[in-house]
């Protein structure tokens, strides 16, 4: 083969040329989960140039990540948390209104004494919340009144459906903050602040009521 017909990667120029690249990319746009072998077969070319074509055109491997997949004892922990919630609610009928998902320590001083005695602070399973310094602080400030990983009330892993931040707030904000297609970080932040301010007390009451249905 004439060396002038071979690229720096050793592949024939026709293998990574515009016509072949367009064919490969068209197949992946229609079905991005196809393997490079399948694409090569459908384009009647060898598999070797396909990764090169994808790299040059900034295509990346398609991999499925099961971020909320349950493992081991996860299901039992979910059941135990729901049982704790329902049992506690028989003695504290407004428990869902007394679970706070955002903690600002100075804000606790403004809570009425009666609410302060009955409230719970809900963490989740992120690694930052599992730090020893975080747990020590919460044990000092609100002992026995917080929900989280290895906490007084065990938080079930991979359970965004059991917290209002997961089943309502994040889903709601994602559906509205990108409506005007913000291009800068400060524009996105302003959208988030505006939409949070527009959430009414009536909406929050409905969210708290739906907490029982999720449990």
N, C-alpha and C. Protein backbone atom coordinates (compact mmCIF):
# COMPACT_ATOMS: atom_id res chain seq x y z
N UNK A 1 0.86 -1.20 0.00
CA UNK A 1 0.00 0.00 0.00
C UNK A 1 0.88 1.24 0.00
N UNK A 2 0.51 2.21 -0.78
CA UNK A 2 1.24 3.48 -0.83
C UNK A 2 1.12 4.17 0.52
N UNK A 3 2.29 4.59 1.12
CA UNK A 3 2.28 5.23 2.43
C UNK A 3 1.49 6.53 2.43
N UNK A 4 1.34 7.14 1.29
CA UNK A 4 0.55 8.37 1.22
C UNK A 4 -0.93 8.11 1.44
N UNK A 5 -1.35 6.86 1.34
CA UNK A 5 -2.75 6.50 1.53
C UNK A 5 -3.02 6.02 2.95
N UNK A 6 -2.01 6.13 3.83
CA UNK A 6 -2.14 5.65 5.20
C UNK A 6 -1.99 6.82 6.16
N UNK A 7 -2.84 6.92 7.18
CA UNK A 7 -2.76 7.99 8.17
C UNK A 7 -1.71 7.70 9.21
N UNK A 8 -1.53 8.64 10.15
CA UNK A 8 -0.54 8.49 11.21
C UNK A 8 -0.85 7.31 12.13
N UNK A 9 -2.11 6.93 12.23
CA UNK A 9 -2.48 5.81 13.10
C UNK A 9 -2.35 4.48 12.38
N UNK A 10 -1.88 4.47 11.14
CA UNK A 10 -1.69 3.22 10.41
C UNK A 10 -2.92 2.75 9.68
N UNK A 11 -4.04 3.45 9.80
CA UNK A 11 -5.28 3.05 9.13
C UNK A 11 -5.37 3.70 7.76
N UNK A 12 -5.95 3.01 6.78
CA UNK A 12 -6.15 3.63 5.48
C UNK A 12 -6.97 4.90 5.62
N UNK A 13 -6.63 5.94 4.86
CA UNK A 13 -7.34 7.21 4.99
C UNK A 13 -8.83 7.05 4.69
N UNK A 14 -9.16 6.14 3.81
CA UNK A 14 -10.58 5.95 3.49
C UNK A 14 -11.36 5.41 4.67
N UNK A 15 -10.66 4.68 5.58
CA UNK A 15 -11.34 4.09 6.74
C UNK A 15 -11.82 5.15 7.71
N UNK A 16 -11.08 6.26 7.81
CA UNK A 16 -11.47 7.34 8.72
C UNK A 16 -11.85 8.60 7.95
N UNK A 17 -12.09 8.46 6.65
CA UNK A 17 -12.46 9.60 5.83
C UNK A 17 -13.85 10.12 6.13
N UNK A 18 -14.20 11.24 5.50
CA UNK A 18 -15.48 11.90 5.78
C UNK A 18 -16.68 11.01 5.52
N UNK A 19 -16.64 10.27 4.38
CA UNK A 19 -17.79 9.45 4.02
C UNK A 19 -18.01 8.33 5.05
N UNK A 20 -16.94 7.64 5.42
CA UNK A 20 -17.05 6.55 6.38
C UNK A 20 -17.41 7.09 7.77
N UNK A 21 -16.81 8.23 8.15
CA UNK A 21 -17.10 8.83 9.45
C UNK A 21 -18.57 9.23 9.55
N UNK A 22 -19.11 9.82 8.48
CA UNK A 22 -20.51 10.23 8.48
C UNK A 22 -21.43 9.04 8.65
N UNK A 23 -21.08 7.93 8.02
CA UNK A 23 -21.89 6.72 8.12
C UNK A 23 -21.87 6.17 9.54
N UNK A 24 -20.67 6.13 10.16
CA UNK A 24 -20.53 5.62 11.52
C UNK A 24 -21.31 6.48 12.50
N UNK A 25 -21.15 7.80 12.40
CA UNK A 25 -21.81 8.71 13.34
C UNK A 25 -23.32 8.67 13.18
N UNK A 26 -23.79 8.51 11.94
CA UNK A 26 -25.24 8.44 11.71
C UNK A 26 -25.84 7.23 12.41
N UNK A 27 -25.13 6.10 12.37
CA UNK A 27 -25.63 4.90 13.05
C UNK A 27 -25.74 5.12 14.55
N UNK A 28 -24.76 5.79 15.13
CA UNK A 28 -24.75 5.99 16.58
C UNK A 28 -25.74 7.05 17.03
N UNK A 29 -26.00 8.03 16.19
CA UNK A 29 -27.00 9.04 16.54
C UNK A 29 -28.38 8.40 16.65
N UNK A 30 -28.67 7.48 15.73
CA UNK A 30 -29.97 6.78 15.75
C UNK A 30 -30.07 5.85 16.95
N UNK A 31 -28.97 5.14 17.25
CA UNK A 31 -28.97 4.18 18.35
C UNK A 31 -27.64 4.26 19.10
N UNK A 32 -27.52 5.14 20.09
CA UNK A 32 -26.23 5.37 20.74
C UNK A 32 -25.71 4.22 21.59
N UNK A 33 -26.55 3.21 21.84
CA UNK A 33 -26.09 2.09 22.67
C UNK A 33 -25.45 0.96 21.86
N UNK A 34 -25.34 1.13 20.55
CA UNK A 34 -24.72 0.10 19.72
C UNK A 34 -23.23 -0.01 20.02
N UNK A 35 -22.71 -1.21 19.88
CA UNK A 35 -21.28 -1.42 20.08
C UNK A 35 -20.52 -1.03 18.82
N UNK A 36 -19.21 -0.82 18.97
CA UNK A 36 -18.38 -0.48 17.81
C UNK A 36 -18.36 -1.62 16.81
N UNK A 37 -18.46 -2.84 17.30
CA UNK A 37 -18.50 -3.99 16.39
C UNK A 37 -19.76 -3.97 15.54
N UNK A 38 -20.90 -3.69 16.17
CA UNK A 38 -22.16 -3.64 15.42
C UNK A 38 -22.14 -2.52 14.39
N UNK A 39 -21.61 -1.37 14.79
CA UNK A 39 -21.55 -0.24 13.86
C UNK A 39 -20.65 -0.57 12.67
N UNK A 40 -19.52 -1.20 12.94
CA UNK A 40 -18.60 -1.56 11.86
C UNK A 40 -19.26 -2.53 10.88
N UNK A 41 -19.99 -3.50 11.40
CA UNK A 41 -20.66 -4.46 10.54
C UNK A 41 -21.72 -3.79 9.66
N UNK A 42 -22.48 -2.88 10.25
CA UNK A 42 -23.55 -2.21 9.50
C UNK A 42 -22.98 -1.24 8.46
N UNK A 43 -21.78 -0.71 8.72
CA UNK A 43 -21.17 0.23 7.78
C UNK A 43 -20.23 -0.47 6.80
N UNK A 44 -20.17 -1.80 6.91
CA UNK A 44 -19.31 -2.59 6.02
C UNK A 44 -17.86 -2.13 6.07
N UNK A 45 -17.38 -1.92 7.28
CA UNK A 45 -15.98 -1.52 7.47
C UNK A 45 -15.40 -2.34 8.61
N UNK A 46 -14.11 -2.24 8.83
CA UNK A 46 -13.49 -2.96 9.94
C UNK A 46 -13.77 -2.21 11.24
N UNK A 47 -13.59 -2.90 12.36
CA UNK A 47 -13.87 -2.30 13.66
C UNK A 47 -12.79 -1.31 14.08
N UNK A 48 -11.58 -1.50 13.60
CA UNK A 48 -10.44 -0.70 14.05
C UNK A 48 -10.64 0.81 13.91
N UNK A 49 -11.14 1.33 12.78
CA UNK A 49 -11.25 2.79 12.65
C UNK A 49 -12.40 3.43 13.42
N UNK A 50 -13.36 2.63 13.89
CA UNK A 50 -14.54 3.19 14.54
C UNK A 50 -14.18 3.98 15.80
N UNK A 51 -13.38 3.43 16.76
CA UNK A 51 -13.01 4.23 17.94
C UNK A 51 -12.30 5.53 17.58
N UNK A 52 -11.46 5.49 16.52
CA UNK A 52 -10.76 6.70 16.08
C UNK A 52 -11.75 7.74 15.59
N UNK A 53 -12.74 7.32 14.82
CA UNK A 53 -13.76 8.24 14.32
C UNK A 53 -14.52 8.87 15.49
N UNK A 54 -14.89 8.04 16.48
CA UNK A 54 -15.64 8.55 17.63
C UNK A 54 -14.81 9.55 18.43
N UNK A 55 -13.53 9.25 18.62
CA UNK A 55 -12.66 10.13 19.40
C UNK A 55 -12.50 11.49 18.72
N UNK A 56 -12.26 11.47 17.42
CA UNK A 56 -12.06 12.72 16.67
C UNK A 56 -13.31 13.59 16.73
N UNK A 57 -14.48 12.97 16.75
CA UNK A 57 -15.75 13.72 16.74
C UNK A 57 -16.35 13.88 18.14
N UNK A 58 -15.53 13.60 19.17
CA UNK A 58 -15.92 13.83 20.58
C UNK A 58 -17.13 13.00 21.00
N UNK A 59 -17.21 11.79 20.48
CA UNK A 59 -18.20 10.83 20.97
C UNK A 59 -17.54 9.99 22.06
N UNK A 60 -18.31 9.62 23.07
CA UNK A 60 -17.76 8.87 24.19
C UNK A 60 -18.50 7.55 24.36
N UNK A 61 -17.86 6.54 24.97
CA UNK A 61 -18.51 5.24 25.15
C UNK A 61 -19.82 5.35 25.94
N UNK A 62 -20.78 4.58 25.51
CA UNK A 62 -22.10 4.56 26.16
C UNK A 62 -22.10 3.48 27.23
N UNK A 63 -22.24 3.91 28.47
CA UNK A 63 -22.27 2.95 29.57
C UNK A 63 -23.47 3.25 30.47
N UNK A 64 -24.17 2.21 30.87
CA UNK A 64 -25.32 2.37 31.77
C UNK A 64 -24.82 2.33 33.21
N UNK A 65 -25.22 3.31 34.01
CA UNK A 65 -24.86 3.35 35.42
C UNK A 65 -26.15 3.26 36.25
N UNK A 66 -26.26 2.21 37.03
CA UNK A 66 -27.45 2.02 37.87
C UNK A 66 -27.20 2.72 39.20
N UNK A 67 -27.45 4.03 39.23
CA UNK A 67 -27.10 4.83 40.41
C UNK A 67 -28.03 4.56 41.59
N UNK A 68 -29.22 4.06 41.36
CA UNK A 68 -30.15 3.80 42.46
C UNK A 68 -30.45 2.30 42.59
N UNK A 69 -29.56 1.46 42.08
CA UNK A 69 -29.76 0.03 42.18
C UNK A 69 -29.61 -0.43 43.63
N UNK A 70 -30.52 -1.28 44.09
CA UNK A 70 -30.50 -1.76 45.47
C UNK A 70 -29.61 -3.00 45.58
N UNK A 71 -28.88 -3.09 46.68
CA UNK A 71 -27.99 -4.21 46.92
C UNK A 71 -28.21 -4.75 48.33
N UNK A 72 -27.89 -6.02 48.51
CA UNK A 72 -27.81 -6.61 49.84
C UNK A 72 -29.00 -6.33 50.72
N UNK A 73 -28.74 -5.63 51.83
CA UNK A 73 -29.77 -5.34 52.83
C UNK A 73 -30.52 -4.04 52.56
N UNK A 74 -30.32 -3.43 51.38
CA UNK A 74 -30.94 -2.14 51.12
C UNK A 74 -32.46 -2.20 51.24
N UNK A 75 -33.07 -3.25 50.69
CA UNK A 75 -34.53 -3.36 50.74
C UNK A 75 -35.02 -3.47 52.17
N UNK A 76 -34.35 -4.29 53.00
CA UNK A 76 -34.75 -4.43 54.40
C UNK A 76 -34.63 -3.10 55.14
N UNK A 77 -33.59 -2.32 54.84
CA UNK A 77 -33.40 -1.03 55.51
C UNK A 77 -34.49 -0.05 55.11
N UNK A 78 -34.93 -0.12 53.86
CA UNK A 78 -36.04 0.73 53.43
C UNK A 78 -37.31 0.39 54.20
N UNK A 79 -37.58 -0.90 54.34
CA UNK A 79 -38.77 -1.34 55.07
C UNK A 79 -38.68 -0.91 56.53
N UNK A 80 -37.51 -1.06 57.14
CA UNK A 80 -37.33 -0.68 58.55
C UNK A 80 -37.56 0.82 58.75
N UNK A 81 -37.07 1.63 57.82
CA UNK A 81 -37.27 3.07 57.95
C UNK A 81 -38.75 3.41 57.85
N UNK A 82 -39.44 2.82 56.89
CA UNK A 82 -40.87 3.10 56.72
C UNK A 82 -41.66 2.64 57.95
N UNK A 83 -41.28 1.49 58.50
CA UNK A 83 -41.95 1.03 59.72
C UNK A 83 -41.70 1.99 60.87
N UNK A 84 -40.46 2.50 61.00
CA UNK A 84 -40.17 3.49 62.04
C UNK A 84 -41.02 4.73 61.85
N UNK A 85 -41.11 5.21 60.61
CA UNK A 85 -41.88 6.42 60.32
C UNK A 85 -43.35 6.23 60.68
N UNK A 86 -43.94 5.13 60.24
CA UNK A 86 -45.37 4.90 60.49
C UNK A 86 -45.66 4.70 61.97
N UNK A 87 -44.75 3.99 62.67
CA UNK A 87 -44.96 3.78 64.11
C UNK A 87 -44.81 5.09 64.87
N UNK A 88 -43.80 5.89 64.50
CA UNK A 88 -43.59 7.17 65.17
C UNK A 88 -44.75 8.11 64.92
N UNK A 89 -45.34 8.01 63.75
CA UNK A 89 -46.43 8.92 63.39
C UNK A 89 -47.67 8.67 64.23
N UNK A 90 -47.84 7.46 64.79
CA UNK A 90 -48.99 7.20 65.67
C UNK A 90 -48.90 8.04 66.94
N UNK A 91 -47.69 8.42 67.35
CA UNK A 91 -47.51 9.26 68.54
C UNK A 91 -47.27 10.72 68.18
N UNK A 92 -46.88 10.96 66.91
CA UNK A 92 -46.56 12.31 66.45
C UNK A 92 -47.22 12.50 65.09
N UNK A 93 -48.54 12.81 65.08
CA UNK A 93 -49.31 12.82 63.83
C UNK A 93 -48.75 13.73 62.74
N UNK A 94 -48.05 14.81 63.12
CA UNK A 94 -47.51 15.73 62.12
C UNK A 94 -46.02 15.50 61.90
N UNK A 95 -45.60 14.24 62.00
CA UNK A 95 -44.17 13.94 61.90
C UNK A 95 -43.58 14.42 60.58
N UNK A 96 -44.32 14.25 59.47
CA UNK A 96 -43.77 14.65 58.17
C UNK A 96 -43.50 16.15 58.12
N UNK A 97 -44.24 16.94 58.92
CA UNK A 97 -43.99 18.39 58.97
C UNK A 97 -42.82 18.73 59.89
N UNK A 98 -42.40 17.75 60.70
CA UNK A 98 -41.32 17.99 61.66
C UNK A 98 -40.00 17.38 61.21
N UNK A 99 -39.94 16.93 59.96
CA UNK A 99 -38.69 16.43 59.39
C UNK A 99 -38.13 17.50 58.47
N UNK A 100 -36.96 17.99 58.80
CA UNK A 100 -36.32 19.05 58.03
C UNK A 100 -35.18 18.45 57.22
N UNK A 101 -35.14 18.80 55.93
CA UNK A 101 -34.11 18.27 55.05
C UNK A 101 -32.95 19.24 54.86
N UNK A 102 -33.11 20.46 55.31
CA UNK A 102 -32.04 21.46 55.20
C UNK A 102 -31.80 22.01 56.59
N UNK A 103 -30.56 21.96 57.03
CA UNK A 103 -30.24 22.36 58.39
C UNK A 103 -29.40 23.62 58.41
N UNK A 104 -29.90 24.65 59.08
CA UNK A 104 -29.12 25.84 59.39
C UNK A 104 -29.17 25.98 60.90
N UNK A 105 -28.06 25.73 61.54
CA UNK A 105 -28.03 25.67 62.99
C UNK A 105 -28.63 26.91 63.66
N UNK A 106 -28.33 28.15 63.19
CA UNK A 106 -28.97 29.31 63.84
C UNK A 106 -30.48 29.29 63.75
N UNK A 107 -31.04 28.64 62.70
CA UNK A 107 -32.48 28.60 62.52
C UNK A 107 -33.17 27.84 63.65
N UNK A 108 -32.46 26.90 64.26
CA UNK A 108 -33.06 26.11 65.34
C UNK A 108 -33.46 26.99 66.50
N UNK A 109 -32.74 28.07 66.73
CA UNK A 109 -33.07 28.97 67.84
C UNK A 109 -34.41 29.66 67.64
N UNK A 110 -34.88 29.74 66.38
CA UNK A 110 -36.14 30.41 66.09
C UNK A 110 -37.33 29.47 66.14
N UNK A 111 -37.07 28.17 66.28
CA UNK A 111 -38.18 27.22 66.36
C UNK A 111 -38.85 27.31 67.72
N UNK A 112 -40.18 27.26 67.75
CA UNK A 112 -40.86 27.20 69.05
C UNK A 112 -40.40 25.98 69.83
N UNK A 113 -40.39 26.08 71.16
CA UNK A 113 -39.87 25.01 71.99
C UNK A 113 -40.59 23.70 71.72
N UNK A 114 -41.91 23.74 71.52
CA UNK A 114 -42.67 22.51 71.28
C UNK A 114 -42.22 21.83 69.99
N UNK A 115 -41.99 22.62 68.92
CA UNK A 115 -41.52 22.05 67.66
C UNK A 115 -40.10 21.54 67.80
N UNK A 116 -39.28 22.23 68.60
CA UNK A 116 -37.90 21.84 68.76
C UNK A 116 -37.78 20.48 69.44
N UNK A 117 -38.73 20.16 70.28
CA UNK A 117 -38.70 18.87 70.98
C UNK A 117 -39.04 17.71 70.06
N UNK A 118 -39.81 17.98 69.02
CA UNK A 118 -40.31 16.88 68.20
C UNK A 118 -39.72 16.75 66.82
N UNK A 119 -38.87 17.71 66.40
CA UNK A 119 -38.41 17.69 65.02
C UNK A 119 -37.28 16.68 64.82
N UNK A 120 -37.10 16.27 63.55
CA UNK A 120 -35.98 15.43 63.12
C UNK A 120 -35.30 16.11 61.94
N UNK A 121 -33.99 16.01 61.88
CA UNK A 121 -33.24 16.49 60.71
C UNK A 121 -32.86 15.30 59.86
N UNK A 122 -33.22 15.36 58.57
CA UNK A 122 -32.99 14.23 57.67
C UNK A 122 -31.80 14.47 56.77
N UNK A 123 -30.78 13.65 56.92
CA UNK A 123 -29.66 13.60 55.99
C UNK A 123 -29.97 12.56 54.91
N UNK A 124 -28.99 12.27 54.06
CA UNK A 124 -29.10 11.14 53.14
C UNK A 124 -27.79 10.38 53.17
N UNK A 125 -27.54 9.55 52.18
CA UNK A 125 -26.40 8.66 52.23
C UNK A 125 -25.14 9.15 51.56
N UNK A 126 -25.03 10.45 51.25
CA UNK A 126 -23.83 10.93 50.58
C UNK A 126 -22.62 10.84 51.51
N UNK A 127 -21.44 10.69 50.92
CA UNK A 127 -20.23 10.50 51.71
C UNK A 127 -19.93 11.70 52.60
N UNK A 128 -20.26 12.93 52.15
CA UNK A 128 -19.98 14.12 52.95
C UNK A 128 -20.74 14.07 54.27
N UNK A 129 -21.96 13.56 54.24
CA UNK A 129 -22.78 13.51 55.45
C UNK A 129 -22.32 12.40 56.40
N UNK A 130 -21.51 11.48 55.90
CA UNK A 130 -21.05 10.35 56.71
C UNK A 130 -19.75 10.67 57.44
N UNK A 131 -19.19 11.84 57.19
CA UNK A 131 -17.93 12.21 57.84
C UNK A 131 -18.11 12.24 59.36
N UNK A 132 -17.08 11.82 60.07
CA UNK A 132 -17.15 11.75 61.53
C UNK A 132 -17.39 13.13 62.13
N UNK A 133 -16.78 14.17 61.55
CA UNK A 133 -16.96 15.52 62.09
C UNK A 133 -18.42 15.97 61.99
N UNK A 134 -19.09 15.59 60.88
CA UNK A 134 -20.50 15.95 60.70
C UNK A 134 -21.36 15.24 61.73
N UNK A 135 -21.12 13.95 61.92
CA UNK A 135 -21.93 13.18 62.88
C UNK A 135 -21.70 13.65 64.31
N UNK A 136 -20.46 13.99 64.62
CA UNK A 136 -20.17 14.48 65.97
C UNK A 136 -20.88 15.80 66.23
N UNK A 137 -20.90 16.68 65.23
CA UNK A 137 -21.58 17.96 65.39
C UNK A 137 -23.07 17.77 65.62
N UNK A 138 -23.69 16.91 64.80
CA UNK A 138 -25.14 16.69 64.94
C UNK A 138 -25.46 16.00 66.26
N UNK A 139 -24.61 15.08 66.70
CA UNK A 139 -24.83 14.43 68.00
C UNK A 139 -24.74 15.44 69.15
N UNK A 140 -23.93 16.47 68.95
CA UNK A 140 -23.79 17.49 69.98
C UNK A 140 -24.96 18.47 69.98
N UNK A 141 -25.41 18.86 68.77
CA UNK A 141 -26.44 19.89 68.66
C UNK A 141 -27.84 19.32 68.78
N UNK A 142 -28.09 18.20 68.10
CA UNK A 142 -29.45 17.61 68.11
C UNK A 142 -29.34 16.10 68.37
N UNK A 143 -28.88 15.68 69.52
CA UNK A 143 -28.69 14.25 69.80
C UNK A 143 -29.99 13.46 69.67
N UNK A 144 -29.89 12.35 68.92
CA UNK A 144 -31.04 11.47 68.76
C UNK A 144 -32.14 12.01 67.88
N UNK A 145 -31.90 13.15 67.21
CA UNK A 145 -32.96 13.78 66.43
C UNK A 145 -32.56 13.96 64.98
N UNK A 146 -31.74 13.05 64.47
CA UNK A 146 -31.36 13.18 63.07
C UNK A 146 -31.37 11.83 62.39
N UNK A 147 -31.65 11.87 61.09
CA UNK A 147 -31.80 10.68 60.25
C UNK A 147 -30.68 10.68 59.23
N UNK A 148 -29.93 9.57 59.16
CA UNK A 148 -28.85 9.51 58.20
C UNK A 148 -28.15 8.17 58.26
N UNK A 149 -27.04 8.06 57.51
CA UNK A 149 -26.29 6.82 57.45
C UNK A 149 -25.55 6.59 58.77
N UNK A 150 -25.80 5.45 59.41
CA UNK A 150 -25.23 5.10 60.72
C UNK A 150 -25.60 6.13 61.78
N UNK A 151 -26.83 6.63 61.70
CA UNK A 151 -27.27 7.67 62.61
C UNK A 151 -28.32 7.12 63.57
N UNK A 152 -28.81 7.94 64.51
CA UNK A 152 -29.82 7.45 65.46
C UNK A 152 -31.01 6.80 64.77
N UNK A 153 -31.46 7.40 63.66
CA UNK A 153 -32.48 6.78 62.81
C UNK A 153 -31.79 6.45 61.49
N UNK A 154 -31.64 5.18 61.19
CA UNK A 154 -30.87 4.75 60.01
C UNK A 154 -31.58 5.15 58.72
N UNK A 155 -30.86 5.89 57.87
CA UNK A 155 -31.41 6.28 56.58
C UNK A 155 -31.18 5.19 55.56
N UNK A 156 -32.23 4.70 54.88
CA UNK A 156 -32.05 3.63 53.89
C UNK A 156 -31.32 4.15 52.66
N UNK A 157 -30.32 3.44 52.18
CA UNK A 157 -29.55 3.91 51.02
C UNK A 157 -30.36 3.89 49.74
N UNK A 158 -29.96 4.78 48.83
CA UNK A 158 -30.56 4.84 47.48
C UNK A 158 -32.08 4.97 47.57
N UNK A 159 -32.54 5.92 48.36
CA UNK A 159 -33.99 6.08 48.56
C UNK A 159 -34.43 7.52 48.39
N UNK A 160 -34.17 8.14 47.22
CA UNK A 160 -34.62 9.53 47.04
C UNK A 160 -36.13 9.66 47.05
N UNK A 161 -36.84 8.53 46.84
CA UNK A 161 -38.30 8.58 46.85
C UNK A 161 -38.86 8.73 48.26
N UNK A 162 -38.00 8.67 49.28
CA UNK A 162 -38.47 8.77 50.66
C UNK A 162 -38.13 10.12 51.30
N UNK A 163 -37.68 11.07 50.51
CA UNK A 163 -37.39 12.41 51.03
C UNK A 163 -37.99 13.45 50.10
N UNK A 164 -38.62 14.49 50.63
CA UNK A 164 -39.20 15.53 49.77
C UNK A 164 -38.19 16.18 48.85
N UNK A 165 -36.93 16.27 49.28
CA UNK A 165 -35.91 16.82 48.38
C UNK A 165 -35.76 15.97 47.13
N UNK A 166 -35.95 14.65 47.28
CA UNK A 166 -35.79 13.75 46.15
C UNK A 166 -37.02 13.65 45.29
N UNK A 167 -38.18 13.36 45.91
CA UNK A 167 -39.37 13.10 45.09
C UNK A 167 -40.11 14.36 44.67
N UNK A 168 -39.74 15.52 45.24
CA UNK A 168 -40.41 16.75 44.81
C UNK A 168 -39.45 17.84 44.35
N UNK A 169 -38.61 18.34 45.28
CA UNK A 169 -37.87 19.57 45.00
C UNK A 169 -36.95 19.45 43.80
N UNK A 170 -36.08 18.42 43.79
CA UNK A 170 -35.13 18.31 42.68
C UNK A 170 -35.86 18.09 41.35
N UNK A 171 -36.89 17.25 41.39
CA UNK A 171 -37.64 16.99 40.14
C UNK A 171 -38.33 18.25 39.65
N UNK A 172 -38.93 19.00 40.59
CA UNK A 172 -39.63 20.23 40.22
C UNK A 172 -38.66 21.26 39.65
N UNK A 173 -37.54 21.48 40.33
CA UNK A 173 -36.59 22.48 39.87
C UNK A 173 -36.00 22.13 38.51
N UNK A 174 -35.71 20.85 38.29
CA UNK A 174 -35.15 20.46 36.99
C UNK A 174 -36.13 20.74 35.86
N UNK A 175 -37.42 20.69 36.17
CA UNK A 175 -38.43 20.89 35.12
C UNK A 175 -38.65 22.36 34.79
N UNK A 176 -38.16 23.29 35.64
CA UNK A 176 -38.45 24.71 35.41
C UNK A 176 -37.20 25.58 35.24
N UNK A 177 -36.09 25.24 35.90
CA UNK A 177 -34.95 26.17 35.88
C UNK A 177 -34.24 26.21 34.53
N UNK A 178 -34.46 25.22 33.68
CA UNK A 178 -33.81 25.21 32.37
C UNK A 178 -34.75 25.70 31.27
N UNK A 179 -35.93 26.21 31.64
CA UNK A 179 -36.92 26.59 30.63
C UNK A 179 -36.42 27.71 29.72
N UNK A 180 -35.62 28.63 30.27
CA UNK A 180 -35.09 29.71 29.43
C UNK A 180 -33.65 29.45 28.97
N UNK A 181 -33.20 28.21 29.13
CA UNK A 181 -31.89 27.77 28.68
C UNK A 181 -30.76 28.69 29.16
N UNK A 182 -30.52 28.74 30.46
CA UNK A 182 -29.44 29.59 30.97
C UNK A 182 -28.08 29.13 30.45
N UNK A 183 -27.25 30.07 30.08
CA UNK A 183 -25.93 29.76 29.53
C UNK A 183 -24.80 30.03 30.50
N UNK A 184 -25.08 30.75 31.56
CA UNK A 184 -24.05 31.08 32.54
C UNK A 184 -24.48 30.58 33.92
N UNK A 185 -23.48 30.34 34.77
CA UNK A 185 -23.76 29.81 36.10
C UNK A 185 -24.62 30.77 36.91
N UNK A 186 -24.35 32.07 36.83
CA UNK A 186 -25.13 33.02 37.62
C UNK A 186 -26.58 33.07 37.15
N UNK A 187 -26.83 32.83 35.85
CA UNK A 187 -28.20 32.78 35.34
C UNK A 187 -28.93 31.56 35.91
N UNK A 188 -28.23 30.41 35.95
CA UNK A 188 -28.84 29.21 36.51
C UNK A 188 -29.13 29.39 38.00
N UNK A 189 -28.19 29.99 38.73
CA UNK A 189 -28.40 30.23 40.15
C UNK A 189 -29.59 31.15 40.40
N UNK A 190 -29.72 32.17 39.58
CA UNK A 190 -30.85 33.08 39.71
C UNK A 190 -32.16 32.37 39.43
N UNK A 191 -32.19 31.48 38.44
CA UNK A 191 -33.40 30.70 38.16
C UNK A 191 -33.78 29.83 39.36
N UNK A 192 -32.78 29.21 39.99
CA UNK A 192 -33.05 28.35 41.13
C UNK A 192 -33.62 29.16 42.29
N UNK A 193 -33.01 30.32 42.58
CA UNK A 193 -33.51 31.17 43.66
C UNK A 193 -34.94 31.64 43.38
N UNK A 194 -35.20 32.03 42.14
CA UNK A 194 -36.53 32.53 41.79
C UNK A 194 -37.58 31.45 41.92
N UNK A 195 -37.29 30.25 41.42
CA UNK A 195 -38.28 29.18 41.47
C UNK A 195 -38.50 28.68 42.89
N UNK A 196 -37.45 28.66 43.71
CA UNK A 196 -37.63 28.27 45.12
C UNK A 196 -38.52 29.26 45.85
N UNK A 197 -38.35 30.55 45.53
CA UNK A 197 -39.16 31.58 46.19
C UNK A 197 -40.62 31.49 45.79
N UNK A 198 -40.89 30.91 44.63
CA UNK A 198 -42.27 30.81 44.14
C UNK A 198 -43.00 29.58 44.65
N UNK A 199 -42.33 28.71 45.39
CA UNK A 199 -43.00 27.55 45.98
C UNK A 199 -43.82 28.01 47.18
N UNK A 200 -45.09 27.84 47.13
CA UNK A 200 -46.00 28.39 48.14
C UNK A 200 -46.14 27.45 49.34
N UNK A 201 -46.57 27.97 50.49
CA UNK A 201 -46.85 27.10 51.64
C UNK A 201 -47.86 26.01 51.34
N UNK A 202 -48.83 26.31 50.47
CA UNK A 202 -49.83 25.30 50.12
C UNK A 202 -49.18 24.13 49.40
N UNK A 203 -48.23 24.42 48.51
CA UNK A 203 -47.52 23.35 47.81
C UNK A 203 -46.73 22.50 48.80
N UNK A 204 -46.08 23.15 49.76
CA UNK A 204 -45.30 22.42 50.76
C UNK A 204 -46.19 21.54 51.62
N UNK A 205 -47.38 22.02 51.93
CA UNK A 205 -48.32 21.19 52.71
C UNK A 205 -48.71 19.95 51.92
N UNK A 206 -48.94 20.10 50.63
CA UNK A 206 -49.28 18.95 49.80
C UNK A 206 -48.11 17.96 49.73
N UNK A 207 -46.89 18.50 49.66
CA UNK A 207 -45.71 17.63 49.63
C UNK A 207 -45.61 16.83 50.93
N UNK A 208 -45.81 17.49 52.06
CA UNK A 208 -45.76 16.79 53.34
C UNK A 208 -46.84 15.72 53.43
N UNK A 209 -48.01 16.00 52.90
CA UNK A 209 -49.09 15.01 52.93
C UNK A 209 -48.74 13.80 52.07
N UNK A 210 -48.05 14.04 50.94
CA UNK A 210 -47.71 12.92 50.06
C UNK A 210 -46.58 12.07 50.62
N UNK A 211 -45.87 12.59 51.63
CA UNK A 211 -44.80 11.82 52.28
C UNK A 211 -45.35 10.50 52.80
N UNK A 212 -46.55 10.56 53.37
CA UNK A 212 -47.16 9.34 53.92
C UNK A 212 -47.40 8.30 52.83
N UNK A 213 -47.78 8.74 51.63
CA UNK A 213 -48.01 7.80 50.54
C UNK A 213 -46.71 7.11 50.11
N UNK A 214 -45.60 7.84 50.17
CA UNK A 214 -44.32 7.23 49.80
C UNK A 214 -43.86 6.22 50.82
N UNK A 215 -44.19 6.44 52.09
CA UNK A 215 -43.81 5.49 53.14
C UNK A 215 -44.67 4.24 53.09
